[in-house]
Protein backbone atom coordinates (compact mmCIF):
# COMPACT_ATOMS: atom_id res chain seq x y z
CA MET A 1 0.00 0.00 0.00
CA THR A 2 1.24 3.48 -0.86
CA LEU A 3 0.17 6.93 0.29
CA LEU A 4 1.04 9.97 -1.83
CA GLY A 5 3.53 7.85 -3.75
CA ALA A 6 5.35 6.53 -0.66
CA PRO A 7 5.08 2.92 0.60
CA VAL A 8 3.39 2.90 3.99
CA MET A 9 5.08 -0.29 5.20
CA LYS A 10 8.02 -2.50 4.31
CA GLY A 11 7.39 -5.29 1.86
CA LYS A 12 6.40 -5.70 -1.77
CA ALA A 13 5.21 -2.11 -2.27
CA GLN A 14 8.50 -0.71 -1.01
CA ASP A 15 10.54 -3.11 -3.14
CA MET A 16 8.53 -2.17 -6.22
CA ALA A 17 9.00 1.54 -5.55
CA ILE A 18 12.79 1.22 -5.22
CA GLN A 19 13.04 -1.11 -8.23
CA HIS A 20 11.11 1.46 -10.26
CA LYS A 21 13.73 4.07 -9.28
CA ILE A 22 16.54 1.68 -10.29
CA ASP A 23 14.93 1.12 -13.69
CA ASP A 24 14.53 4.88 -14.20
CA LEU A 25 18.16 5.44 -13.24
CA SER A 26 19.38 2.74 -15.65
CA ARG A 27 17.42 4.31 -18.49
CA ALA A 28 18.75 7.79 -17.65
CA LEU A 29 22.35 6.57 -17.47
CA GLU A 30 22.07 5.01 -20.94
CA ARG A 31 20.94 8.34 -22.35
CA LEU A 32 23.53 10.40 -20.46
CA GLN A 33 26.29 8.48 -22.20
CA HIS A 34 25.46 10.44 -25.37
CA LEU A 35 26.23 13.80 -23.70
CA HIS A 36 29.51 15.48 -22.89
CA ALA A 37 30.97 14.10 -19.66
CA HIS A 38 30.73 17.46 -17.85
CA ASP A 39 27.07 17.90 -18.82
CA ALA A 40 26.22 14.33 -17.85
CA LEU A 41 27.99 14.63 -14.50
CA ALA A 42 26.17 17.86 -13.62
CA ILE A 43 22.76 16.45 -14.59
CA LEU A 44 23.36 13.22 -12.72
CA LYS A 45 24.53 14.98 -9.56
CA ASN A 46 21.83 17.62 -9.44
CA SER A 47 18.79 15.93 -10.98
CA LEU A 48 18.78 12.25 -11.84
CA ALA A 49 20.48 10.28 -9.07
CA ILE A 50 19.70 10.85 -5.38
CA PRO A 51 17.37 13.84 -6.07
CA LYS A 52 14.96 11.38 -7.74
CA LEU A 53 15.16 8.98 -4.78
CA LEU A 54 15.18 11.44 -1.89
CA TYR A 55 11.40 11.64 -1.47
CA LEU A 56 11.25 7.87 -1.04
CA LEU A 57 14.16 7.89 1.43
CA ARG A 58 12.43 10.52 3.57
CA THR A 59 8.93 9.10 3.56
CA SER A 60 9.52 5.34 3.70
CA GLU A 61 11.43 3.20 6.20
CA CYS A 62 13.74 1.80 3.53
CA TYR A 63 17.21 2.54 4.95
CA ASP A 64 17.84 -1.21 5.44
CA ASN A 65 16.36 -2.36 2.15
CA PRO A 66 18.97 -4.38 0.17
CA LEU A 67 17.72 -2.85 -3.09
CA LEU A 68 19.47 0.39 -2.11
CA SER A 69 22.77 -1.42 -2.64
CA GLN A 70 21.57 -2.34 -6.13
CA PHE A 71 20.73 1.32 -6.74
CA ASP A 72 24.28 2.28 -5.68
CA ASP A 73 25.83 -0.40 -7.91
CA THR A 74 23.84 0.82 -10.89
CA LEU A 75 24.88 4.40 -10.18
CA ARG A 76 28.56 3.47 -9.77
CA LYS A 77 28.69 1.50 -13.03
CA GLY A 78 26.93 4.26 -14.95
CA LEU A 79 29.27 6.90 -13.53
CA THR A 80 32.28 4.80 -14.54
CA THR A 81 30.98 4.66 -18.12
CA ILE A 82 30.13 8.36 -18.32
CA LEU A 83 33.48 9.56 -16.95
CA ASN A 84 35.59 6.80 -18.54
CA VAL A 85 37.25 6.31 -15.14
CA ASP A 86 37.20 3.10 -13.13
CA ILE A 87 35.94 4.09 -9.67
CA SER A 88 35.28 0.59 -8.36
CA ASP A 89 37.77 1.05 -5.52
CA GLN A 90 37.05 4.76 -5.09
CA TRP A 91 33.24 4.65 -4.91
CA LEU A 92 33.24 5.47 -1.22
CA GLN A 93 35.17 8.70 -1.76
CA ALA A 94 33.21 9.56 -4.91
CA SER A 95 29.95 9.34 -2.94
CA LEU A 96 31.09 11.90 -0.34
CA PRO A 97 30.12 15.59 -0.57
CA VAL A 98 32.47 17.83 -2.54
CA GLY A 99 33.67 19.53 0.66
CA HIS A 100 34.78 16.13 1.98
CA GLY A 101 36.77 15.31 -1.13
CA GLY A 102 34.10 13.48 -3.15
CA LEU A 103 32.06 14.06 -6.31
CA GLU A 104 28.76 14.39 -4.42
CA ILE A 105 27.21 11.50 -6.33
CA ARG A 106 25.66 10.34 -3.09
CA SER A 107 25.26 6.75 -2.00
CA ALA A 108 21.67 5.79 -1.20
CA ARG A 109 22.81 3.45 1.56
CA MET A 110 24.87 6.19 3.18
CA LEU A 111 22.20 8.88 2.96
CA ALA A 112 19.03 6.89 3.75
CA PRO A 113 19.09 6.91 7.60
CA SER A 114 19.84 10.65 7.73
CA ALA A 115 17.02 11.45 5.28
CA PHE A 116 14.48 9.39 7.22
CA LEU A 117 15.47 10.85 10.61
CA VAL A 118 15.19 14.41 9.30
CA SER A 119 11.71 13.68 8.00
CA ALA A 120 10.70 12.13 11.33
CA ALA A 121 12.00 15.12 13.30
CA SER A 122 10.34 17.65 10.99
CA ARG A 123 6.89 16.06 11.28
CA LEU A 124 7.07 15.32 15.02
CA SER A 125 5.33 18.47 16.28
CA LEU A 126 2.48 18.13 13.75
CA GLN A 127 2.20 14.43 14.49
CA GLN A 128 1.93 15.09 18.23
CA ALA A 129 -0.77 17.71 17.64
CA ILE A 130 -2.88 15.34 15.52
CA LEU A 131 -2.61 12.09 17.47
CA PRO A 132 -4.79 11.46 20.55
CA ASP A 133 -3.19 11.25 23.99
CA SER A 134 -3.46 7.45 24.07
CA ILE A 135 -1.17 7.12 21.05
CA ARG A 136 0.98 10.22 21.36
CA THR A 137 3.26 8.74 24.02
CA LEU A 138 4.00 5.51 22.14
CA THR A 139 7.58 4.95 21.01
CA ASP A 140 8.24 5.19 17.28
CA GLN A 141 10.19 1.98 16.63
CA SER A 142 11.03 2.98 13.07
CA THR A 143 12.85 6.08 14.34
CA GLU A 144 14.78 4.04 16.90
CA SER A 145 15.82 1.58 14.21
CA ALA A 146 16.88 4.42 11.90
CA GLU A 147 18.93 5.99 14.67
CA SER A 148 20.69 2.66 15.22
CA SER A 149 21.53 2.41 11.51
CA TRP A 150 22.70 6.02 11.49
CA ALA A 151 24.92 5.44 14.54
CA ASP A 152 26.63 2.53 12.76
CA LEU A 153 27.43 4.83 9.85
CA ALA A 154 28.36 7.97 11.80
CA ASN A 155 30.15 6.42 14.79
CA SER A 156 29.13 9.59 16.63
CA PRO A 157 26.56 10.80 19.17
CA LYS A 158 23.31 12.21 17.85
CA PRO A 159 23.35 15.92 16.91
CA ALA A 160 21.74 18.50 19.18
CA ALA A 161 17.93 18.33 19.38
CA GLU A 162 17.48 21.78 17.82
CA THR A 163 19.25 20.56 14.64
CA HIS A 164 17.39 17.26 14.19
CA HIS A 165 15.37 18.74 11.33
CA ILE A 166 18.49 19.65 9.30
CA GLN A 167 19.62 16.86 6.99
CA LYS A 168 23.05 18.41 6.45
CA VAL A 169 23.81 18.00 10.16
CA TRP A 170 22.98 14.29 10.28
CA ASP A 171 24.60 13.57 6.94
CA GLY A 172 27.66 15.69 7.74
CA LEU A 173 28.57 13.48 10.68
CA VAL A 174 28.31 10.37 8.50
CA ALA A 175 30.42 11.95 5.74
CA THR A 176 33.05 13.07 8.26
CA ASN A 177 33.32 9.54 9.64
CA PHE A 178 33.77 8.01 6.19
CA LYS A 179 36.30 10.68 5.25
CA SER A 180 38.33 9.87 8.38
CA ALA A 181 38.14 6.16 7.54
CA ILE A 182 39.43 6.80 4.02
CA LEU A 183 42.29 8.94 5.37
CA SER A 184 43.25 6.27 7.89
CA ARG A 185 43.47 3.69 5.10
CA ALA A 186 45.66 5.86 2.86
CA ARG A 187 48.46 3.64 1.59
CA CYS A 188 51.14 6.32 1.28
CA THR A 189 51.84 10.00 1.83
CA VAL A 190 50.83 10.75 -1.77
CA ASP A 191 47.34 9.33 -1.16
CA ARG A 192 47.01 11.21 2.09
CA ALA A 193 48.11 14.47 0.46
CA ARG A 194 45.64 13.89 -2.38
CA LEU A 195 42.74 13.32 0.02
CA LEU A 196 43.60 16.41 2.05
CA ALA A 197 43.93 18.51 -1.10
CA ALA A 198 40.63 17.20 -2.49
CA SER A 199 38.80 18.26 0.68
CA SER A 200 40.47 21.67 0.96
CA PRO A 201 38.35 24.80 0.34
CA HIS A 202 37.58 25.58 -3.33
CA SER A 203 39.42 22.51 -4.69
CA GLY A 204 36.11 21.11 -5.91
CA ASP A 205 34.51 24.33 -7.11
CA TRP A 206 34.58 23.04 -10.68
CA LEU A 207 32.07 20.37 -9.65
CA HIS A 208 29.57 23.11 -8.73
CA ALA A 209 30.11 25.18 -11.89
CA PRO A 210 27.41 24.83 -14.57
CA PRO A 211 28.93 23.54 -17.85
CA ILE A 212 28.24 26.64 -19.96
CA THR A 213 30.42 26.96 -23.06
CA ALA A 214 29.64 30.66 -23.62
CA VAL A 215 31.42 31.69 -20.42
CA GLY A 216 34.19 29.11 -20.65
CA LEU A 217 32.92 26.79 -17.91
CA ARG A 218 32.46 23.55 -19.87
CA LEU A 219 35.37 21.14 -19.54
CA SER A 220 36.28 18.69 -22.27
CA ASP A 221 35.68 14.99 -21.72
CA GLU A 222 39.40 14.40 -21.31
CA ALA A 223 39.74 17.24 -18.80
CA VAL A 224 36.86 15.84 -16.74
CA ARG A 225 38.39 12.35 -16.88
CA PHE A 226 41.76 13.53 -15.60
CA ALA A 227 40.23 15.83 -12.98
CA VAL A 228 38.12 12.98 -11.55
CA ALA A 229 40.97 10.46 -11.75
CA HIS A 230 43.40 12.76 -9.92
CA ARG A 231 40.77 13.68 -7.31
CA LEU A 232 39.90 10.07 -6.54
CA GLY A 233 43.30 8.49 -7.11
CA SER A 234 42.05 6.35 -9.99
CA LYS A 235 43.97 5.15 -13.01
CA ALA A 236 44.36 8.01 -15.49
CA CYS A 237 46.66 6.51 -18.14
CA GLU A 238 48.74 3.50 -19.07
CA PRO A 239 52.18 3.27 -17.44
CA HIS A 240 54.81 4.68 -19.80
CA THR A 241 58.08 6.57 -19.98
CA CYS A 242 57.89 10.35 -20.11
CA VAL A 243 59.82 12.40 -22.67
CA CYS A 244 62.03 13.53 -19.80
CA GLY A 245 63.07 9.91 -19.24
CA LYS A 246 61.21 9.23 -15.99
CA ALA A 247 58.70 6.44 -15.52
CA VAL A 248 55.02 7.42 -15.28
CA ASP A 249 52.62 5.18 -13.36
CA GLY A 250 48.93 4.64 -14.06
CA ARG A 251 47.86 7.68 -12.06
CA GLY A 252 49.77 10.06 -14.33
CA LEU A 253 50.79 12.41 -11.53
CA HIS A 254 54.25 12.94 -13.00
CA GLY A 255 52.83 15.29 -15.62
CA LEU A 256 51.88 17.80 -12.93
CA SER A 257 55.55 18.50 -12.13
CA CYS A 258 57.45 17.44 -15.26
CA PRO A 259 59.41 20.34 -16.79
CA GLU A 260 58.89 18.85 -20.26
CA ALA A 261 55.09 18.65 -19.95
CA PRO A 262 53.16 20.92 -22.37
CA ARG A 263 51.54 23.95 -20.79
CA ASP A 264 48.40 25.81 -21.74
CA ASN A 265 49.41 28.60 -24.14
CA ASN A 266 46.23 30.52 -23.32
CA VAL A 267 47.14 30.68 -19.66
CA THR A 268 50.67 31.76 -20.56
CA ALA A 269 49.36 34.50 -22.87
CA ILE A 270 46.92 35.79 -20.27
CA SER A 271 49.63 35.85 -17.62
CA ALA A 272 52.03 37.68 -19.94
CA THR A 273 49.38 40.24 -20.88
CA SER A 274 48.48 40.83 -17.24
CA CYS A 275 52.13 41.28 -16.28
CA GLY A 276 52.61 43.68 -19.17
CA GLU A 277 49.60 45.77 -18.11
CA LEU A 278 50.84 45.89 -14.53
CA SER A 279 54.28 46.96 -15.72
CA ASN A 280 52.81 49.75 -17.89
CA ALA A 281 50.65 50.95 -14.99
CA HIS A 282 53.69 51.03 -12.73
CA ARG A 283 55.68 53.10 -15.26
CA CYS A 284 52.75 55.51 -15.62
CA ARG A 285 52.62 56.06 -11.87
CA GLN A 286 56.36 56.67 -11.79
CA SER A 287 56.09 59.26 -14.56
CA MET A 288 53.26 61.05 -12.75
CA ASN A 289 55.21 61.15 -9.50
CA GLN A 290 58.27 62.56 -11.26
CA SER A 291 56.23 65.26 -12.99
CA VAL A 292 54.70 66.29 -9.68
């Protein structure tokens, strides 16, 4: 049984609702493959992935439904195809918010308890006003179960009562815990530095920028592939020998510091022009001071 599009109880109706979302996602991912990678990533992040599932996560007690793992697997495989980057081992980081070093392609399993608890907290006052006294004092077992699932993910005490209606607060504690777990499992100093850099302020601003060609904000497919690969630590190229003679591994990080690597002539020209304008302005000020 469903009410306003949300399954009232666990069971067949809930499974059918989630499976319908998985089918919609699969169909959308097939079509997104025909777009530029930057366009597809922006649409997937902001419209077609978790945003399409969020209503169900908030209104139905589905945080422990195994079909959410199938939704995540479908999303991960589609994202790998769209970006042309294998993120099988980096899915956990990719599913984190941008500020925590991820791509903000959120995992349904990770987000579900937080979404349900926010909904429960937001409706509590209205629910208490509607229900009769004989029912009002009963314990909501679904909320207790959701809090238990959330605690397993967050490994943290519950947030303050006045913030229970804010999803970012609940979800932020979960994301912080997973970010710490990823940092603790970093295999070397390079991985740790990458994770810290990916979560530093403004390092992921390009993920929030709309891909508009007219104002120079759309990245090429290759630029998106390398940006995602370097952010997540995925394979970016085949191992080879650089023109400078040094070996380059699959991550391709050597090109960021190689003196023989090609540079962007547009950036060089802009820098030279800016320096020239500053130099001319400085000479003008000197001439004015001398004349005075």
